[in-house]
Amino acid sequence: MLAGHPIRRTLPRGRTLTLGLGLAVITACGGLLAKPRPDNTRFYTLATPAPEGGRGDGSLAVGLGPNTWPGYLDRPQLVTRVDEERIVLSPADRWAEPLRTQFERGLSYHLMNVLGTDDVVVFPWWPTRRIDVIVEVNVRAFEASADGFAHAEVLWTVKETHHDKALRTGQRSIREPISPGGPEQAVAALGRALGQIGDAIADDVRREAP
């Protein structure tokens, strides 16, 4: 080797081609990774008007629960009823929090406003908590349907506090029209159906409250 003359090493043509293809694949993968897919998920909540409050300590104390809830609704996706045996889960439309939590909170707020009390507590509550009347709710359906209606089917029992005695039972099956406009209109219709349920329960509570 002569000083001042660098040695050039050349790769066989096959190895050069393979190396070039490898670099091309890496570059292509890097380009794909640099462009993530947009997240099209949309989140919804039921409209639950806040209770007016400020009615004092002497107002009616209502205990709401324990309540029962369908397992197929205990999921983040919005559910659409197709027929009696089949439902469809939305791939992009989800509840911002569990639907059961929103239902119970919305119902408690509605009862506060309609009954004129600021003391409605959702089960469980402390054993020493003052409760004048208990309402147990059995939700059988609370979803949009493919025929353009929000369907709610609810049973409830108004109970005496100390003896666990049923004072009155009620049931409502509601079909609330869904306005054109997509999932947000279905959610709005479910909110209206919840208000109708609250009105019916409040009527029974008034009849049996001490």
Protein backbone atom coordinates (compact mmCIF):
# COMPACT_ATOMS: atom_id res chain seq x y z
CA MET A 1 0.00 0.00 0.00
CA LEU A 2 1.37 3.35 -0.99
CA ALA A 3 1.11 6.23 1.43
CA GLY A 4 -1.38 8.87 0.49
CA HIS A 5 -3.58 6.56 -1.64
CA PRO A 6 -6.77 5.40 0.19
CA ILE A 7 -8.00 1.91 -0.49
CA ARG A 8 -11.51 1.69 -1.97
CA ARG A 9 -13.50 -1.41 -1.09
CA THR A 10 -16.46 -2.22 -3.29
CA LEU A 11 -19.41 -4.47 -2.42
CA PRO A 12 -20.65 -7.10 -4.81
CA ARG A 13 -23.54 -5.87 -6.95
CA GLY A 14 -26.08 -8.16 -5.22
CA ARG A 15 -25.22 -6.90 -1.75
CA THR A 16 -25.42 -3.27 -2.98
CA LEU A 17 -28.93 -3.87 -4.33
CA THR A 18 -30.07 -5.52 -1.10
CA LEU A 19 -28.71 -2.67 1.00
CA GLY A 20 -30.51 -0.12 -1.21
CA LEU A 21 -33.81 -1.95 -0.92
CA GLY A 22 -33.41 -2.13 2.87
CA LEU A 23 -32.87 1.60 3.10
CA ALA A 24 -35.90 2.21 0.89
CA VAL A 25 -38.11 0.05 3.14
CA ILE A 26 -36.88 1.83 6.27
CA THR A 27 -37.53 5.22 4.66
CA ALA A 28 -41.05 4.18 3.64
CA CYS A 29 -41.87 2.87 7.12
CA GLY A 30 -40.55 6.06 8.64
CA GLY A 31 -42.86 8.05 6.38
CA LEU A 32 -45.86 5.98 7.48
CA LEU A 33 -45.04 6.39 11.14
CA ALA A 34 -44.72 10.12 10.69
CA LYS A 35 -48.40 10.37 9.59
CA PRO A 36 -50.62 8.97 12.37
CA ARG A 37 -54.28 8.45 11.61
CA PRO A 38 -56.63 11.10 13.05
CA ASP A 39 -58.75 10.08 16.04
CA ASN A 40 -62.39 10.39 14.96
CA THR A 41 -63.84 9.37 18.34
CA ARG A 42 -66.66 11.61 19.60
CA PHE A 43 -67.75 11.75 23.26
CA TYR A 44 -71.24 12.53 24.55
CA THR A 45 -73.00 13.26 27.83
CA LEU A 46 -76.67 13.35 28.76
CA ALA A 47 -78.04 16.83 29.34
CA THR A 48 -78.67 16.98 33.10
CA PRO A 49 -79.94 20.39 34.31
CA ALA A 50 -78.27 21.28 37.59
CA PRO A 51 -80.59 21.31 40.63
CA GLU A 52 -81.68 24.72 41.85
CA GLY A 53 -80.75 23.97 45.47
CA GLY A 54 -81.05 26.24 48.49
CA ARG A 55 -84.22 24.71 49.91
CA GLY A 56 -83.04 24.17 53.50
CA ASP A 57 -82.54 21.16 55.78
CA GLY A 58 -86.24 20.42 56.22
CA SER A 59 -86.81 19.29 52.61
CA LEU A 60 -87.73 15.75 51.61
CA ALA A 61 -84.80 13.27 51.71
CA VAL A 62 -84.97 10.69 48.91
CA GLY A 63 -82.72 7.65 48.57
CA LEU A 64 -82.28 6.51 44.95
CA GLY A 65 -81.34 2.85 44.70
CA PRO A 66 -80.04 0.25 44.68
CA ASN A 67 -80.76 0.28 40.95
CA THR A 68 -80.38 -2.45 38.33
CA TRP A 69 -78.98 -1.89 34.86
CA PRO A 70 -78.70 -4.02 31.66
CA GLY A 71 -75.25 -5.45 31.10
CA TYR A 72 -75.32 -4.67 27.36
CA LEU A 73 -75.51 -0.94 28.17
CA ASP A 74 -72.58 -1.11 30.57
CA ARG A 75 -70.01 -0.16 27.90
CA PRO A 76 -68.50 3.07 26.52
CA GLN A 77 -69.94 2.81 23.00
CA LEU A 78 -73.33 4.23 22.03
CA VAL A 79 -75.78 1.38 21.47
CA THR A 80 -78.42 1.26 18.73
CA ARG A 81 -81.21 -1.31 18.87
CA VAL A 82 -81.71 -2.93 15.46
CA ASP A 83 -84.45 -5.39 16.43
CA GLU A 84 -85.53 -7.36 19.48
CA GLU A 85 -82.52 -9.67 19.32
CA ARG A 86 -79.77 -7.45 17.90
CA ILE A 87 -77.88 -4.29 18.83
CA VAL A 88 -75.07 -2.38 17.09
CA LEU A 89 -72.15 -0.68 18.85
CA SER A 90 -70.92 2.58 17.36
CA PRO A 91 -67.23 2.44 16.34
CA ALA A 92 -66.64 6.16 16.96
CA ASP A 93 -69.38 7.51 19.26
CA ARG A 94 -68.80 6.97 22.97
CA TRP A 95 -70.08 8.09 26.35
CA ALA A 96 -67.73 10.45 28.18
CA GLU A 97 -68.46 8.53 31.41
CA PRO A 98 -70.49 5.39 32.19
CA LEU A 99 -74.08 5.76 31.03
CA ARG A 100 -75.35 4.33 34.32
CA THR A 101 -73.57 7.10 36.25
CA GLN A 102 -75.07 9.76 33.97
CA PHE A 103 -78.55 8.24 34.22
CA GLU A 104 -78.52 8.13 38.02
CA ARG A 105 -77.11 11.65 38.34
CA GLY A 106 -79.56 13.05 35.80
CA LEU A 107 -82.50 11.34 37.51
CA SER A 108 -81.44 12.59 40.94
CA TYR A 109 -81.12 16.16 39.63
CA HIS A 110 -84.52 15.95 37.96
CA LEU A 111 -86.15 14.67 41.15
CA MET A 112 -84.57 17.51 43.11
CA ASN A 113 -86.05 20.11 40.78
CA VAL A 114 -89.50 18.53 40.45
CA LEU A 115 -89.93 17.63 44.14
CA GLY A 116 -88.48 20.91 45.39
CA THR A 117 -85.70 19.33 47.43
CA ASP A 118 -81.93 19.42 47.44
CA ASP A 119 -81.62 16.06 49.26
CA VAL A 120 -81.61 13.16 46.79
CA VAL A 121 -78.76 10.71 47.35
CA VAL A 122 -77.76 7.79 45.10
CA PHE A 123 -77.14 4.39 46.76
CA PRO A 124 -75.03 3.51 48.70
CA TRP A 125 -75.44 5.94 51.58
CA TRP A 126 -74.38 5.90 55.24
CA PRO A 127 -76.67 3.85 57.54
CA THR A 128 -77.18 6.93 59.74
CA ARG A 129 -78.19 9.09 56.77
CA ARG A 130 -81.73 10.48 57.05
CA ILE A 131 -83.87 9.05 54.26
CA ASP A 132 -87.62 9.72 54.13
CA VAL A 133 -88.46 7.55 51.14
CA ILE A 134 -86.54 5.12 48.92
CA VAL A 135 -86.91 4.71 45.15
CA GLU A 136 -85.45 1.60 43.52
CA VAL A 137 -85.17 1.73 39.73
CA ASN A 138 -84.94 -1.20 37.33
CA VAL A 139 -83.78 -0.03 33.89
CA ARG A 140 -84.65 -2.54 31.18
CA ALA A 141 -83.87 -0.46 28.10
CA PHE A 142 -82.29 2.93 27.45
CA GLU A 143 -80.97 3.20 23.92
CA ALA A 144 -81.58 4.60 20.46
CA SER A 145 -83.35 2.37 17.97
CA ALA A 146 -82.86 2.04 14.23
CA ASP A 147 -86.46 3.16 13.60
CA GLY A 148 -85.64 6.73 14.67
CA PHE A 149 -86.76 6.66 18.30
CA ALA A 150 -85.04 6.67 21.68
CA HIS A 151 -86.48 3.81 23.71
CA ALA A 152 -86.59 3.76 27.50
CA GLU A 153 -88.28 1.10 29.60
CA VAL A 154 -88.07 1.55 33.36
CA LEU A 155 -89.75 0.02 36.41
CA TRP A 156 -89.53 1.50 39.90
CA THR A 157 -90.62 0.82 43.46
CA VAL A 158 -91.26 3.46 46.11
CA LYS A 159 -90.42 1.99 49.51
CA GLU A 160 -90.84 2.85 53.14
CA THR A 161 -87.49 3.55 54.71
CA HIS A 162 -87.51 1.54 57.93
CA HIS A 163 -89.48 -1.59 57.03
CA ASP A 164 -88.45 -2.10 53.39
CA LYS A 165 -92.13 -2.15 52.51
CA ALA A 166 -93.19 -1.42 48.94
CA LEU A 167 -95.63 1.49 48.95
CA ARG A 168 -96.10 1.88 45.22
CA THR A 169 -94.72 0.48 41.96
CA GLY A 170 -94.64 2.12 38.56
CA GLN A 171 -93.56 1.49 34.98
CA ARG A 172 -92.98 3.61 31.89
CA SER A 173 -92.15 2.60 28.33
CA ILE A 174 -91.15 5.67 26.32
CA ARG A 175 -90.47 6.17 22.61
CA GLU A 176 -89.03 9.64 22.07
CA PRO A 177 -88.54 10.77 18.41
CA ILE A 178 -84.96 11.41 17.36
CA SER A 179 -84.54 14.57 15.27
CA PRO A 180 -82.32 14.42 12.14
CA GLY A 181 -78.71 15.27 12.84
CA GLY A 182 -76.75 12.22 13.92
CA PRO A 183 -75.78 10.71 17.27
CA GLU A 184 -76.03 14.00 19.18
CA GLN A 185 -79.77 14.05 18.42
CA ALA A 186 -80.12 10.49 19.69
CA VAL A 187 -78.40 11.53 22.93
CA ALA A 188 -80.73 14.53 23.23
CA ALA A 189 -83.77 12.26 22.78
CA LEU A 190 -82.50 9.96 25.54
CA GLY A 191 -82.17 13.01 27.79
CA ARG A 192 -85.80 13.94 27.13
CA ALA A 193 -86.90 10.39 27.86
CA LEU A 194 -85.02 10.53 31.17
CA GLY A 195 -86.93 13.69 32.06
CA GLN A 196 -90.25 11.93 31.44
CA ILE A 197 -89.17 9.07 33.68
CA GLY A 198 -88.24 11.55 36.42
CA ASP A 199 -91.66 13.22 36.19
CA ALA A 200 -93.48 9.89 36.57
CA ILE A 201 -91.34 8.80 39.54
CA ALA A 202 -91.78 12.19 41.21
CA ASP A 203 -95.58 11.82 40.99
CA ASP A 204 -95.43 8.51 42.87
CA VAL A 205 -93.02 9.90 45.47
CA ARG A 206 -95.39 12.79 46.19
CA ARG A 207 -98.24 10.33 46.81
CA GLU A 208 -96.27 8.28 49.32
CA ALA A 209 -93.86 10.75 50.93
CA PRO A 210 -94.44 11.35 54.66
